[in-house]
Amino acid sequence: MNPPQLWVVFIREGGDRARFWSVVENRGETSNDGTIRMFDLVVTDHLSDLRNRLVIGWKSPRAWRLNGPTAAAYPVLEIADAQPVPFPGFDRLILDYSQLQAVMREHRYTSWRTALSSVVGIYLITDTRDGRHYVGKADGAENINQRWGVYASNGHGGNVELRGLDPSTFRYSLLRVFDPSTPTRVIDESESHFKRALDTRNHGLNRN
């Protein structure tokens, strides 16, 4: 009569094994004609780092639904290495905050971190709630991977303009990348150009 809010979905994988697919949220009933009930179901980011990796023993292969206390006793058989995700390229990189956190910590994004560690440059943070932009830079001893790693850990990267804002609505992208040997002056000029072009001082999140 009252389906649970969260469903942890597994797919049978032969015999008495099942592989984790995703966590689905039931946001409520949308229609009911007395015979068929419809619900608003949304795939969430819960346990996203274990998708297609977590394998459990399924003691009752015929049972399609188990309550949490019963499922909690099912053994974990395997947590497989995640499949590597190909790096899309600097000019195609757009990440929301949860994706940024995954890139900074998960093994499957190792090649992304290697690529981002090889460059410095100018990046853009967009607050998707109101469209305001923040233009920042990584130069000198700090590469893009290191700079974005700080954002992933605290949400604001130490920037006064971003403190107090909810980073869950931030989107991260690269405007221009440079070789680490590029003079700081050149990177500073590029940062100033993008701040002017995007008018982030008057209508964005940059204070200087």
N, C-alpha and C. Protein backbone atom coordinates (compact mmCIF):
# COMPACT_ATOMS: atom_id res chain seq x y z
N MET A 1 0.82 -1.21 0.00
CA MET A 1 0.00 0.00 0.00
C MET A 1 0.86 1.27 0.00
N ASN A 2 1.98 1.22 0.73
CA ASN A 2 2.86 2.39 0.83
C ASN A 2 4.29 1.97 0.49
N PRO A 3 4.66 1.97 -0.78
CA PRO A 3 6.01 1.55 -1.18
C PRO A 3 7.07 2.42 -0.54
N PRO A 4 8.22 1.84 -0.19
CA PRO A 4 9.30 2.61 0.44
C PRO A 4 9.79 3.75 -0.45
N GLN A 5 10.43 4.72 0.17
CA GLN A 5 10.94 5.86 -0.58
C GLN A 5 12.16 5.50 -1.41
N LEU A 6 13.07 4.71 -0.85
CA LEU A 6 14.31 4.37 -1.55
C LEU A 6 14.36 2.88 -1.87
N TRP A 7 14.78 2.58 -3.09
CA TRP A 7 14.92 1.20 -3.55
C TRP A 7 16.35 1.00 -4.05
N VAL A 8 17.05 0.02 -3.47
CA VAL A 8 18.39 -0.32 -3.94
C VAL A 8 18.23 -1.45 -4.95
N VAL A 9 18.55 -1.15 -6.21
CA VAL A 9 18.22 -2.06 -7.31
C VAL A 9 19.44 -2.88 -7.73
N PHE A 10 19.26 -4.20 -7.75
CA PHE A 10 20.29 -5.13 -8.21
C PHE A 10 19.78 -5.89 -9.44
N ILE A 11 20.71 -6.33 -10.27
CA ILE A 11 20.37 -7.14 -11.43
C ILE A 11 20.99 -8.52 -11.25
N ARG A 12 20.16 -9.53 -11.47
CA ARG A 12 20.63 -10.91 -11.28
C ARG A 12 21.79 -11.21 -12.22
N GLU A 13 22.76 -11.93 -11.69
CA GLU A 13 23.97 -12.24 -12.45
C GLU A 13 24.29 -13.71 -12.32
N GLY A 14 23.34 -14.52 -12.67
CA GLY A 14 23.55 -15.96 -12.65
C GLY A 14 23.58 -16.56 -11.26
N GLY A 15 23.02 -17.73 -11.12
CA GLY A 15 23.05 -18.44 -9.85
C GLY A 15 22.50 -17.61 -8.70
N ASP A 16 23.31 -17.46 -7.67
CA ASP A 16 22.87 -16.73 -6.48
C ASP A 16 23.63 -15.43 -6.30
N ARG A 17 23.94 -14.75 -7.40
CA ARG A 17 24.64 -13.47 -7.37
C ARG A 17 23.76 -12.36 -7.96
N ALA A 18 23.99 -11.13 -7.51
CA ALA A 18 23.30 -9.98 -8.08
C ALA A 18 24.23 -8.78 -8.02
N ARG A 19 24.22 -7.95 -9.09
CA ARG A 19 25.12 -6.80 -9.20
C ARG A 19 24.32 -5.52 -9.01
N PHE A 20 24.87 -4.61 -8.21
CA PHE A 20 24.20 -3.34 -7.92
C PHE A 20 24.07 -2.49 -9.17
N TRP A 21 22.85 -1.99 -9.41
CA TRP A 21 22.58 -1.12 -10.57
C TRP A 21 22.49 0.34 -10.16
N SER A 22 21.59 0.66 -9.21
CA SER A 22 21.43 2.05 -8.80
C SER A 22 20.48 2.12 -7.61
N VAL A 23 20.40 3.31 -7.00
CA VAL A 23 19.41 3.58 -5.97
C VAL A 23 18.34 4.48 -6.58
N VAL A 24 17.09 4.06 -6.46
CA VAL A 24 15.96 4.78 -7.05
C VAL A 24 15.11 5.37 -5.93
N GLU A 25 14.71 6.61 -6.11
CA GLU A 25 13.85 7.27 -5.13
C GLU A 25 12.41 7.30 -5.64
N ASN A 26 11.50 6.87 -4.79
CA ASN A 26 10.07 6.94 -5.08
C ASN A 26 9.55 8.27 -4.54
N ARG A 27 9.18 9.18 -5.44
CA ARG A 27 8.73 10.51 -5.04
C ARG A 27 7.22 10.63 -4.91
N GLY A 28 6.56 9.49 -4.93
CA GLY A 28 5.13 9.52 -4.67
C GLY A 28 4.28 9.05 -5.83
N GLU A 29 3.07 8.73 -5.51
CA GLU A 29 2.12 8.23 -6.50
C GLU A 29 1.64 9.37 -7.40
N THR A 30 1.61 9.09 -8.71
CA THR A 30 1.18 10.11 -9.66
C THR A 30 -0.20 9.84 -10.23
N SER A 31 -0.62 8.58 -10.23
CA SER A 31 -1.97 8.26 -10.72
C SER A 31 -2.39 6.90 -10.18
N ASN A 32 -3.71 6.69 -10.11
CA ASN A 32 -4.27 5.45 -9.60
C ASN A 32 -5.68 5.30 -10.14
N ASP A 33 -5.87 4.34 -11.05
CA ASP A 33 -7.19 4.14 -11.63
C ASP A 33 -7.95 2.98 -10.97
N GLY A 34 -7.43 2.53 -9.84
CA GLY A 34 -8.05 1.42 -9.13
C GLY A 34 -7.45 0.08 -9.49
N THR A 35 -6.75 0.04 -10.63
CA THR A 35 -6.10 -1.20 -11.07
C THR A 35 -4.60 -1.02 -11.19
N ILE A 36 -4.22 0.08 -11.83
CA ILE A 36 -2.81 0.37 -12.05
C ILE A 36 -2.42 1.64 -11.30
N ARG A 37 -1.38 1.53 -10.52
CA ARG A 37 -0.84 2.69 -9.80
C ARG A 37 0.47 3.11 -10.45
N MET A 38 0.66 4.42 -10.64
CA MET A 38 1.87 4.95 -11.25
C MET A 38 2.62 5.79 -10.21
N PHE A 39 3.96 5.70 -10.24
CA PHE A 39 4.79 6.43 -9.28
C PHE A 39 5.88 7.19 -10.01
N ASP A 40 6.30 8.30 -9.41
CA ASP A 40 7.40 9.10 -9.93
C ASP A 40 8.69 8.54 -9.37
N LEU A 41 9.47 7.85 -10.20
CA LEU A 41 10.71 7.20 -9.78
C LEU A 41 11.90 7.91 -10.42
N VAL A 42 12.90 8.21 -9.60
CA VAL A 42 14.07 8.96 -10.06
C VAL A 42 15.34 8.24 -9.63
N VAL A 43 16.25 8.03 -10.56
CA VAL A 43 17.56 7.46 -10.23
C VAL A 43 18.38 8.51 -9.49
N THR A 44 18.92 8.15 -8.33
CA THR A 44 19.67 9.09 -7.50
C THR A 44 21.18 8.84 -7.61
N ASP A 45 21.94 9.68 -6.91
CA ASP A 45 23.40 9.52 -6.86
C ASP A 45 23.86 8.72 -5.65
N HIS A 46 22.94 8.21 -4.87
CA HIS A 46 23.32 7.41 -3.70
C HIS A 46 24.15 6.20 -4.14
N LEU A 47 25.27 5.96 -3.48
CA LEU A 47 26.15 4.81 -3.75
C LEU A 47 26.62 4.78 -5.20
N SER A 48 26.71 5.96 -5.84
CA SER A 48 27.04 5.99 -7.27
C SER A 48 28.43 5.39 -7.55
N ASP A 49 29.35 5.48 -6.59
CA ASP A 49 30.69 4.94 -6.82
C ASP A 49 30.71 3.41 -6.80
N LEU A 50 29.58 2.79 -6.44
CA LEU A 50 29.51 1.32 -6.41
C LEU A 50 28.67 0.75 -7.55
N ARG A 51 28.16 1.60 -8.43
CA ARG A 51 27.35 1.11 -9.54
C ARG A 51 28.14 0.14 -10.40
N ASN A 52 27.51 -0.99 -10.71
CA ASN A 52 28.11 -2.05 -11.55
C ASN A 52 29.36 -2.66 -10.94
N ARG A 53 29.65 -2.35 -9.68
CA ARG A 53 30.84 -2.88 -9.03
C ARG A 53 30.50 -3.79 -7.86
N LEU A 54 29.47 -3.43 -7.11
CA LEU A 54 29.10 -4.19 -5.92
C LEU A 54 28.31 -5.44 -6.31
N VAL A 55 28.80 -6.60 -5.88
CA VAL A 55 28.12 -7.88 -6.14
C VAL A 55 27.81 -8.53 -4.80
N ILE A 56 26.57 -8.93 -4.61
CA ILE A 56 26.15 -9.58 -3.37
C ILE A 56 25.63 -10.98 -3.65
N GLY A 57 25.61 -11.79 -2.61
CA GLY A 57 24.97 -13.09 -2.71
C GLY A 57 23.47 -12.92 -2.57
N TRP A 58 22.70 -13.54 -3.46
CA TRP A 58 21.24 -13.42 -3.45
C TRP A 58 20.68 -14.79 -3.07
N LYS A 59 20.33 -14.93 -1.80
CA LYS A 59 19.95 -16.24 -1.27
C LYS A 59 18.64 -16.77 -1.83
N SER A 60 17.76 -15.83 -2.25
CA SER A 60 16.46 -16.25 -2.78
C SER A 60 16.31 -15.70 -4.20
N PRO A 61 16.87 -16.39 -5.20
CA PRO A 61 16.88 -15.84 -6.56
C PRO A 61 15.50 -15.60 -7.13
N ARG A 62 14.47 -16.24 -6.58
CA ARG A 62 13.12 -16.02 -7.10
C ARG A 62 12.46 -14.77 -6.53
N ALA A 63 12.97 -14.30 -5.41
CA ALA A 63 12.37 -13.13 -4.76
C ALA A 63 12.86 -11.87 -5.45
N TRP A 64 11.93 -11.05 -5.91
CA TRP A 64 12.32 -9.82 -6.60
C TRP A 64 12.45 -8.65 -5.65
N ARG A 65 11.88 -8.78 -4.44
CA ARG A 65 11.90 -7.68 -3.48
C ARG A 65 12.24 -8.19 -2.10
N LEU A 66 13.14 -7.47 -1.42
CA LEU A 66 13.51 -7.80 -0.05
C LEU A 66 13.47 -6.55 0.80
N ASN A 67 13.07 -6.71 2.05
CA ASN A 67 13.13 -5.59 2.98
C ASN A 67 14.56 -5.39 3.46
N GLY A 68 14.88 -4.17 3.88
CA GLY A 68 16.23 -3.83 4.28
C GLY A 68 16.85 -4.77 5.31
N PRO A 69 16.16 -5.06 6.42
CA PRO A 69 16.77 -5.94 7.44
C PRO A 69 17.15 -7.31 6.89
N THR A 70 16.37 -7.84 5.94
CA THR A 70 16.70 -9.12 5.34
C THR A 70 17.90 -8.99 4.41
N ALA A 71 17.87 -7.97 3.56
CA ALA A 71 18.95 -7.77 2.59
C ALA A 71 20.27 -7.47 3.28
N ALA A 72 20.21 -6.85 4.46
CA ALA A 72 21.44 -6.49 5.18
C ALA A 72 22.27 -7.72 5.54
N ALA A 73 21.62 -8.87 5.61
CA ALA A 73 22.34 -10.09 5.97
C ALA A 73 22.95 -10.78 4.76
N TYR A 74 22.67 -10.28 3.55
CA TYR A 74 23.23 -10.89 2.35
C TYR A 74 24.71 -10.52 2.23
N PRO A 75 25.56 -11.47 1.90
CA PRO A 75 27.01 -11.21 1.90
C PRO A 75 27.47 -10.41 0.69
N VAL A 76 28.47 -9.57 0.89
CA VAL A 76 29.15 -8.89 -0.21
C VAL A 76 30.18 -9.86 -0.78
N LEU A 77 30.03 -10.20 -2.04
CA LEU A 77 30.92 -11.15 -2.68
C LEU A 77 32.09 -10.48 -3.38
N GLU A 78 31.86 -9.25 -3.85
CA GLU A 78 32.90 -8.61 -4.65
C GLU A 78 32.61 -7.12 -4.78
N ILE A 79 33.66 -6.32 -4.76
CA ILE A 79 33.59 -4.92 -5.19
C ILE A 79 34.64 -4.79 -6.29
N ALA A 80 34.17 -4.85 -7.52
CA ALA A 80 35.07 -4.90 -8.67
C ALA A 80 35.68 -3.54 -8.94
N ASP A 81 36.84 -3.56 -9.58
CA ASP A 81 37.44 -2.31 -10.03
C ASP A 81 36.51 -1.64 -11.03
N ALA A 82 36.36 -0.34 -10.90
CA ALA A 82 35.51 0.39 -11.84
C ALA A 82 36.16 0.47 -13.21
N GLN A 83 35.33 0.43 -14.26
CA GLN A 83 35.83 0.58 -15.61
C GLN A 83 36.32 2.01 -15.82
N PRO A 84 37.51 2.20 -16.38
CA PRO A 84 38.01 3.56 -16.61
C PRO A 84 37.07 4.35 -17.52
N VAL A 85 36.90 5.62 -17.20
CA VAL A 85 36.09 6.51 -18.03
C VAL A 85 37.03 7.34 -18.89
N PRO A 86 36.89 7.30 -20.23
CA PRO A 86 37.81 8.05 -21.09
C PRO A 86 37.71 9.55 -20.84
N PHE A 87 38.86 10.21 -20.84
CA PHE A 87 38.88 11.66 -20.66
C PHE A 87 38.31 12.31 -21.92
N PRO A 88 37.33 13.22 -21.80
CA PRO A 88 36.66 13.78 -22.98
C PRO A 88 37.44 14.85 -23.71
N GLY A 89 38.49 15.37 -23.10
CA GLY A 89 39.23 16.49 -23.68
C GLY A 89 38.96 17.77 -22.92
N PHE A 90 39.92 18.67 -22.90
CA PHE A 90 39.79 19.90 -22.13
C PHE A 90 38.63 20.76 -22.61
N ASP A 91 38.40 20.78 -23.93
CA ASP A 91 37.37 21.67 -24.47
C ASP A 91 35.97 21.08 -24.40
N ARG A 92 35.83 19.88 -23.88
CA ARG A 92 34.51 19.27 -23.72
C ARG A 92 34.17 18.96 -22.27
N LEU A 93 34.97 19.46 -21.39
CA LEU A 93 34.84 19.10 -19.97
C LEU A 93 33.85 20.04 -19.27
N ILE A 94 32.73 19.49 -18.84
CA ILE A 94 31.74 20.23 -18.05
C ILE A 94 31.29 19.31 -16.92
N LEU A 95 31.48 19.73 -15.67
CA LEU A 95 31.19 18.89 -14.51
C LEU A 95 30.29 19.62 -13.53
N ASP A 96 29.30 18.90 -12.98
CA ASP A 96 28.59 19.47 -11.84
C ASP A 96 29.37 19.10 -10.59
N TYR A 97 28.88 19.53 -9.42
CA TYR A 97 29.69 19.38 -8.21
C TYR A 97 29.88 17.90 -7.83
N SER A 98 28.83 17.11 -7.93
CA SER A 98 28.96 15.70 -7.58
C SER A 98 29.91 14.98 -8.54
N GLN A 99 29.88 15.36 -9.82
CA GLN A 99 30.81 14.77 -10.78
C GLN A 99 32.25 15.18 -10.48
N LEU A 100 32.44 16.45 -10.09
CA LEU A 100 33.77 16.91 -9.73
C LEU A 100 34.33 16.10 -8.57
N GLN A 101 33.51 15.85 -7.56
CA GLN A 101 33.96 15.07 -6.42
C GLN A 101 34.34 13.66 -6.84
N ALA A 102 33.55 13.07 -7.74
CA ALA A 102 33.86 11.73 -8.22
C ALA A 102 35.18 11.71 -8.99
N VAL A 103 35.39 12.70 -9.84
CA VAL A 103 36.62 12.78 -10.62
C VAL A 103 37.84 12.87 -9.70
N MET A 104 37.69 13.57 -8.59
CA MET A 104 38.82 13.78 -7.69
C MET A 104 39.12 12.58 -6.80
N ARG A 105 38.20 11.63 -6.69
CA ARG A 105 38.45 10.54 -5.74
C ARG A 105 38.36 9.13 -6.31
N GLU A 106 37.67 8.94 -7.42
CA GLU A 106 37.42 7.58 -7.89
C GLU A 106 38.49 7.09 -8.85
N HIS A 107 38.79 5.79 -8.72
CA HIS A 107 39.85 5.18 -9.52
C HIS A 107 39.56 5.25 -11.01
N ARG A 108 38.30 5.18 -11.40
CA ARG A 108 37.96 5.14 -12.82
C ARG A 108 38.27 6.46 -13.53
N TYR A 109 38.53 7.53 -12.75
CA TYR A 109 38.85 8.82 -13.35
C TYR A 109 40.35 9.15 -13.24
N THR A 110 41.17 8.13 -13.09
CA THR A 110 42.61 8.37 -12.94
C THR A 110 43.17 9.15 -14.13
N SER A 111 42.76 8.79 -15.35
CA SER A 111 43.28 9.47 -16.53
C SER A 111 42.85 10.94 -16.57
N TRP A 112 41.69 11.25 -15.99
CA TRP A 112 41.23 12.64 -15.93
C TRP A 112 42.15 13.45 -15.03
N ARG A 113 42.47 12.89 -13.87
CA ARG A 113 43.34 13.60 -12.94
C ARG A 113 44.74 13.79 -13.52
N THR A 114 45.20 12.78 -14.28
CA THR A 114 46.51 12.91 -14.93
C THR A 114 46.49 14.05 -15.94
N ALA A 115 45.42 14.12 -16.73
CA ALA A 115 45.31 15.18 -17.74
C ALA A 115 45.22 16.55 -17.07
N LEU A 116 44.40 16.67 -16.05
CA LEU A 116 44.23 17.96 -15.37
C LEU A 116 45.48 18.38 -14.62
N SER A 117 46.30 17.40 -14.24
CA SER A 117 47.56 17.72 -13.55
C SER A 117 48.62 18.23 -14.51
N SER A 118 48.40 18.05 -15.80
CA SER A 118 49.42 18.41 -16.79
C SER A 118 49.30 19.84 -17.29
N VAL A 119 48.25 20.55 -16.83
CA VAL A 119 48.02 21.90 -17.35
C VAL A 119 47.69 22.88 -16.23
N VAL A 120 47.93 24.15 -16.52
CA VAL A 120 47.42 25.25 -15.72
C VAL A 120 46.46 26.01 -16.62
N GLY A 121 45.80 27.05 -16.09
CA GLY A 121 44.92 27.79 -16.98
C GLY A 121 43.77 28.48 -16.30
N ILE A 122 42.76 28.80 -17.13
CA ILE A 122 41.61 29.57 -16.71
C ILE A 122 40.38 28.67 -16.70
N TYR A 123 39.62 28.72 -15.60
CA TYR A 123 38.42 27.89 -15.48
C TYR A 123 37.21 28.77 -15.17
N LEU A 124 36.05 28.19 -15.37
CA LEU A 124 34.78 28.90 -15.16
C LEU A 124 33.91 28.10 -14.21
N ILE A 125 33.37 28.78 -13.21
CA ILE A 125 32.36 28.17 -12.34
C ILE A 125 31.05 28.92 -12.57
N THR A 126 30.00 28.19 -12.89
CA THR A 126 28.69 28.78 -13.13
C THR A 126 27.73 28.33 -12.04
N ASP A 127 27.08 29.28 -11.39
CA ASP A 127 26.02 28.95 -10.44
C ASP A 127 24.74 28.80 -11.25
N THR A 128 24.30 27.58 -11.44
CA THR A 128 23.17 27.32 -12.34
C THR A 128 21.84 27.82 -11.77
N ARG A 129 21.82 28.24 -10.51
CA ARG A 129 20.58 28.79 -9.96
C ARG A 129 20.25 30.14 -10.58
N ASP A 130 21.27 30.96 -10.83
CA ASP A 130 21.01 32.31 -11.36
C ASP A 130 21.88 32.67 -12.55
N GLY A 131 22.75 31.75 -12.99
CA GLY A 131 23.55 32.00 -14.17
C GLY A 131 24.80 32.84 -13.95
N ARG A 132 25.10 33.21 -12.71
CA ARG A 132 26.28 34.02 -12.45
C ARG A 132 27.55 33.19 -12.62
N HIS A 133 28.61 33.86 -13.12
CA HIS A 133 29.87 33.20 -13.39
C HIS A 133 30.97 33.64 -12.42
N TYR A 134 31.90 32.73 -12.22
CA TYR A 134 33.14 33.05 -11.51
C TYR A 134 34.29 32.56 -12.39
N VAL A 135 35.21 33.46 -12.73
CA VAL A 135 36.39 33.11 -13.51
C VAL A 135 37.58 33.00 -12.56
N GLY A 136 38.26 31.87 -12.62
CA GLY A 136 39.42 31.65 -11.76
C GLY A 136 40.60 31.12 -12.56
N LYS A 137 41.73 30.99 -11.90
CA LYS A 137 42.93 30.52 -12.58
C LYS A 137 43.71 29.56 -11.69
N ALA A 138 44.48 28.72 -12.33
CA ALA A 138 45.46 27.87 -11.66
C ALA A 138 46.79 28.15 -12.35
N ASP A 139 47.77 28.59 -11.60
CA ASP A 139 49.07 28.92 -12.21
C ASP A 139 50.18 28.61 -11.23
N GLY A 140 51.40 28.87 -11.66
CA GLY A 140 52.54 28.64 -10.79
C GLY A 140 52.67 27.18 -10.39
N ALA A 141 52.73 26.93 -9.09
CA ALA A 141 52.92 25.57 -8.59
C ALA A 141 51.62 24.80 -8.50
N GLU A 142 50.49 25.45 -8.77
CA GLU A 142 49.19 24.80 -8.62
C GLU A 142 48.57 24.55 -9.99
N ASN A 143 48.38 23.27 -10.35
CA ASN A 143 47.76 22.94 -11.63
C ASN A 143 46.24 22.86 -11.48
N ILE A 144 45.56 22.61 -12.59
CA ILE A 144 44.10 22.55 -12.57
C ILE A 144 43.60 21.46 -11.63
N ASN A 145 44.24 20.30 -11.65
CA ASN A 145 43.79 19.21 -10.80
C ASN A 145 43.89 19.58 -9.32
N GLN A 146 44.96 20.20 -8.93
CA GLN A 146 45.13 20.62 -7.53
C GLN A 146 44.10 21.68 -7.15
N ARG A 147 43.88 22.64 -8.05
CA ARG A 147 42.93 23.71 -7.74
C ARG A 147 41.53 23.16 -7.61
N TRP A 148 41.12 22.31 -8.54
CA TRP A 148 39.78 21.75 -8.49
C TRP A 148 39.61 20.77 -7.34
N GLY A 149 40.72 20.16 -6.92
CA GLY A 149 40.64 19.27 -5.77
C GLY A 149 40.22 20.01 -4.51
N VAL A 150 40.64 21.28 -4.39
CA VAL A 150 40.24 22.10 -3.25
C VAL A 150 38.74 22.39 -3.32
N TYR A 151 38.24 22.70 -4.51
CA TYR A 151 36.80 22.92 -4.67
C TYR A 151 36.00 21.67 -4.31
N ALA A 152 36.51 20.53 -4.72
CA ALA A 152 35.80 19.28 -4.44
C ALA A 152 35.72 19.01 -2.94
N SER A 153 36.73 19.45 -2.18
CA SER A 153 36.76 19.16 -0.76
C SER A 153 35.93 20.14 0.08
N ASN A 154 35.90 21.44 -0.33
CA ASN A 154 35.18 22.39 0.52
C ASN A 154 34.12 23.22 -0.19
N GLY A 155 34.02 23.10 -1.51
CA GLY A 155 32.95 23.78 -2.25
C GLY A 155 33.25 25.18 -2.70
N HIS A 156 34.17 25.88 -2.01
CA HIS A 156 34.42 27.29 -2.36
C HIS A 156 35.86 27.58 -2.75
N GLY A 157 36.76 26.63 -2.55
CA GLY A 157 38.13 26.81 -2.97
C GLY A 157 38.88 27.94 -2.29
N GLY A 158 38.33 28.43 -1.17
CA GLY A 158 38.96 29.53 -0.47
C GLY A 158 38.57 30.90 -1.01
N ASN A 159 37.68 30.93 -2.00
CA ASN A 159 37.26 32.20 -2.59
C ASN A 159 36.14 32.84 -1.78
N VAL A 160 36.34 34.09 -1.36
CA VAL A 160 35.36 34.79 -0.55
C VAL A 160 34.02 34.88 -1.27
N GLU A 161 34.07 35.08 -2.60
CA GLU A 161 32.85 35.25 -3.38
C GLU A 161 31.95 34.02 -3.36
N LEU A 162 32.55 32.86 -3.17
CA LEU A 162 31.80 31.61 -3.24
C LEU A 162 31.42 31.05 -1.87
N ARG A 163 32.00 31.61 -0.82
CA ARG A 163 31.67 31.14 0.52
C ARG A 163 30.19 31.44 0.81
N GLY A 164 29.52 30.53 1.44
CA GLY A 164 28.12 30.73 1.77
C GLY A 164 27.16 30.31 0.69
N LEU A 165 27.68 30.00 -0.52
CA LEU A 165 26.82 29.52 -1.59
C LEU A 165 26.79 27.99 -1.58
N ASP A 166 25.71 27.43 -2.06
CA ASP A 166 25.56 25.98 -2.10
C ASP A 166 26.27 25.44 -3.34
N PRO A 167 27.38 24.71 -3.18
CA PRO A 167 28.13 24.24 -4.35
C PRO A 167 27.41 23.17 -5.16
N SER A 168 26.34 22.61 -4.64
CA SER A 168 25.64 21.55 -5.37
C SER A 168 25.06 22.04 -6.69
N THR A 169 24.93 23.38 -6.84
CA THR A 169 24.40 23.92 -8.09
C THR A 169 25.51 24.48 -8.99
N PHE A 170 26.78 24.28 -8.61
CA PHE A 170 27.89 24.79 -9.41
C PHE A 170 28.19 23.86 -10.59
N ARG A 171 28.66 24.48 -11.67
CA ARG A 171 29.11 23.72 -12.84
C ARG A 171 30.50 24.22 -13.21
N TYR A 172 31.41 23.30 -13.48
CA TYR A 172 32.82 23.62 -13.70
C TYR A 172 33.22 23.30 -15.15
N SER A 173 33.97 24.23 -15.75
CA SER A 173 34.46 24.01 -17.11
C SER A 173 35.78 24.76 -17.28
N LEU A 174 36.47 24.48 -18.36
CA LEU A 174 37.75 25.12 -18.65
C LEU A 174 37.58 26.10 -19.80
N LEU A 175 38.16 27.29 -19.65
CA LEU A 175 38.12 28.30 -20.70
C LEU A 175 39.38 28.27 -21.56
N ARG A 176 40.52 28.06 -20.91
CA ARG A 176 41.78 27.99 -21.66
C ARG A 176 42.82 27.29 -20.80
N VAL A 177 43.61 26.44 -21.41
CA VAL A 177 44.66 25.73 -20.68
C VAL A 177 46.03 26.13 -21.25
N PHE A 178 47.05 26.07 -20.37
CA PHE A 178 48.41 26.43 -20.74
C PHE A 178 49.37 25.35 -20.24
N ASP A 179 50.52 25.31 -20.88
CA ASP A 179 51.61 24.48 -20.37
C ASP A 179 52.06 25.06 -19.03
N PRO A 180 52.45 24.23 -18.06
CA PRO A 180 52.87 24.74 -16.75
C PRO A 180 54.05 25.71 -16.81
N SER A 181 54.81 25.69 -17.90
CA SER A 181 55.95 26.59 -18.01
C SER A 181 55.55 27.99 -18.49
N THR A 182 54.27 28.19 -18.79
CA THR A 182 53.80 29.49 -19.27
C THR A 182 54.01 30.56 -18.20
N PRO A 183 54.55 31.72 -18.57
CA PRO A 183 54.75 32.79 -17.58
C PRO A 183 53.44 33.20 -16.91
N THR A 184 53.51 33.50 -15.64
CA THR A 184 52.33 33.90 -14.88
C THR A 184 51.66 35.12 -15.50
N ARG A 185 52.45 36.02 -16.07
CA ARG A 185 51.90 37.23 -16.68
C ARG A 185 50.90 36.89 -17.79
N VAL A 186 51.22 35.89 -18.59
CA VAL A 186 50.35 35.49 -19.69
C VAL A 186 49.03 34.93 -19.16
N ILE A 187 49.11 34.14 -18.11
CA ILE A 187 47.90 33.56 -17.53
C ILE A 187 47.04 34.65 -16.89
N ASP A 188 47.69 35.60 -16.21
CA ASP A 188 46.95 36.72 -15.61
C ASP A 188 46.21 37.53 -16.67
N GLU A 189 46.85 37.77 -17.82
CA GLU A 189 46.21 38.52 -18.89
C GLU A 189 45.01 37.77 -19.44
N SER A 190 45.13 36.47 -19.56
CA SER A 190 44.01 35.67 -20.05
C SER A 190 42.85 35.69 -19.07
N GLU A 191 43.17 35.60 -17.77
CA GLU A 191 42.12 35.65 -16.76
C GLU A 191 41.38 36.99 -16.82
N SER A 192 42.12 38.08 -16.93
CA SER A 192 41.49 39.41 -17.01
C SER A 192 40.62 39.53 -18.24
N HIS A 193 41.07 38.95 -19.35
CA HIS A 193 40.27 38.99 -20.59
C HIS A 193 38.92 38.32 -20.38
N PHE A 194 38.92 37.14 -19.80
CA PHE A 194 37.66 36.41 -19.63
C PHE A 194 36.75 37.09 -18.60
N LYS A 195 37.32 37.71 -17.60
CA LYS A 195 36.50 38.45 -16.65
C LYS A 195 35.79 39.61 -17.34
N ARG A 196 36.51 40.28 -18.25
CA ARG A 196 35.88 41.37 -19.00
C ARG A 196 34.85 40.84 -19.99
N ALA A 197 35.22 39.78 -20.69
CA ALA A 197 34.33 39.23 -21.72
C ALA A 197 33.02 38.71 -21.14
N LEU A 198 33.10 38.12 -19.96
CA LEU A 198 31.91 37.57 -19.31
C LEU A 198 31.30 38.52 -18.29
N ASP A 199 31.94 39.67 -18.11
CA ASP A 199 31.46 40.72 -17.20
C ASP A 199 31.21 40.18 -15.80
N THR A 200 32.17 39.38 -15.32
CA THR A 200 31.96 38.72 -14.03
C THR A 200 32.22 39.62 -12.84
N ARG A 201 32.82 40.78 -13.06
CA ARG A 201 33.03 41.70 -11.94
C ARG A 201 31.75 42.47 -11.62
N ASN A 202 31.03 42.88 -12.66
CA ASN A 202 29.81 43.68 -12.44
C ASN A 202 28.55 42.83 -12.29
N HIS A 203 28.52 41.71 -13.01
CA HIS A 203 27.30 40.90 -13.02
C HIS A 203 27.58 39.43 -12.71
N GLY A 204 28.71 39.17 -12.07
CA GLY A 204 29.05 37.81 -11.72
C GLY A 204 29.55 37.69 -10.29
N LEU A 205 30.45 36.75 -10.07
CA LEU A 205 30.89 36.43 -8.73
C LEU A 205 32.34 36.83 -8.44
N ASN A 206 32.98 37.53 -9.39
CA ASN A 206 34.34 38.02 -9.15
C ASN A 206 34.32 39.39 -8.50
N ARG A 207 35.16 39.59 -7.52
CA ARG A 207 35.26 40.88 -6.85
C ARG A 207 36.39 41.74 -7.39
N ASN A 208 37.33 41.12 -8.10
CA ASN A 208 38.43 41.91 -8.65
C ASN A 208 38.81 41.38 -10.03
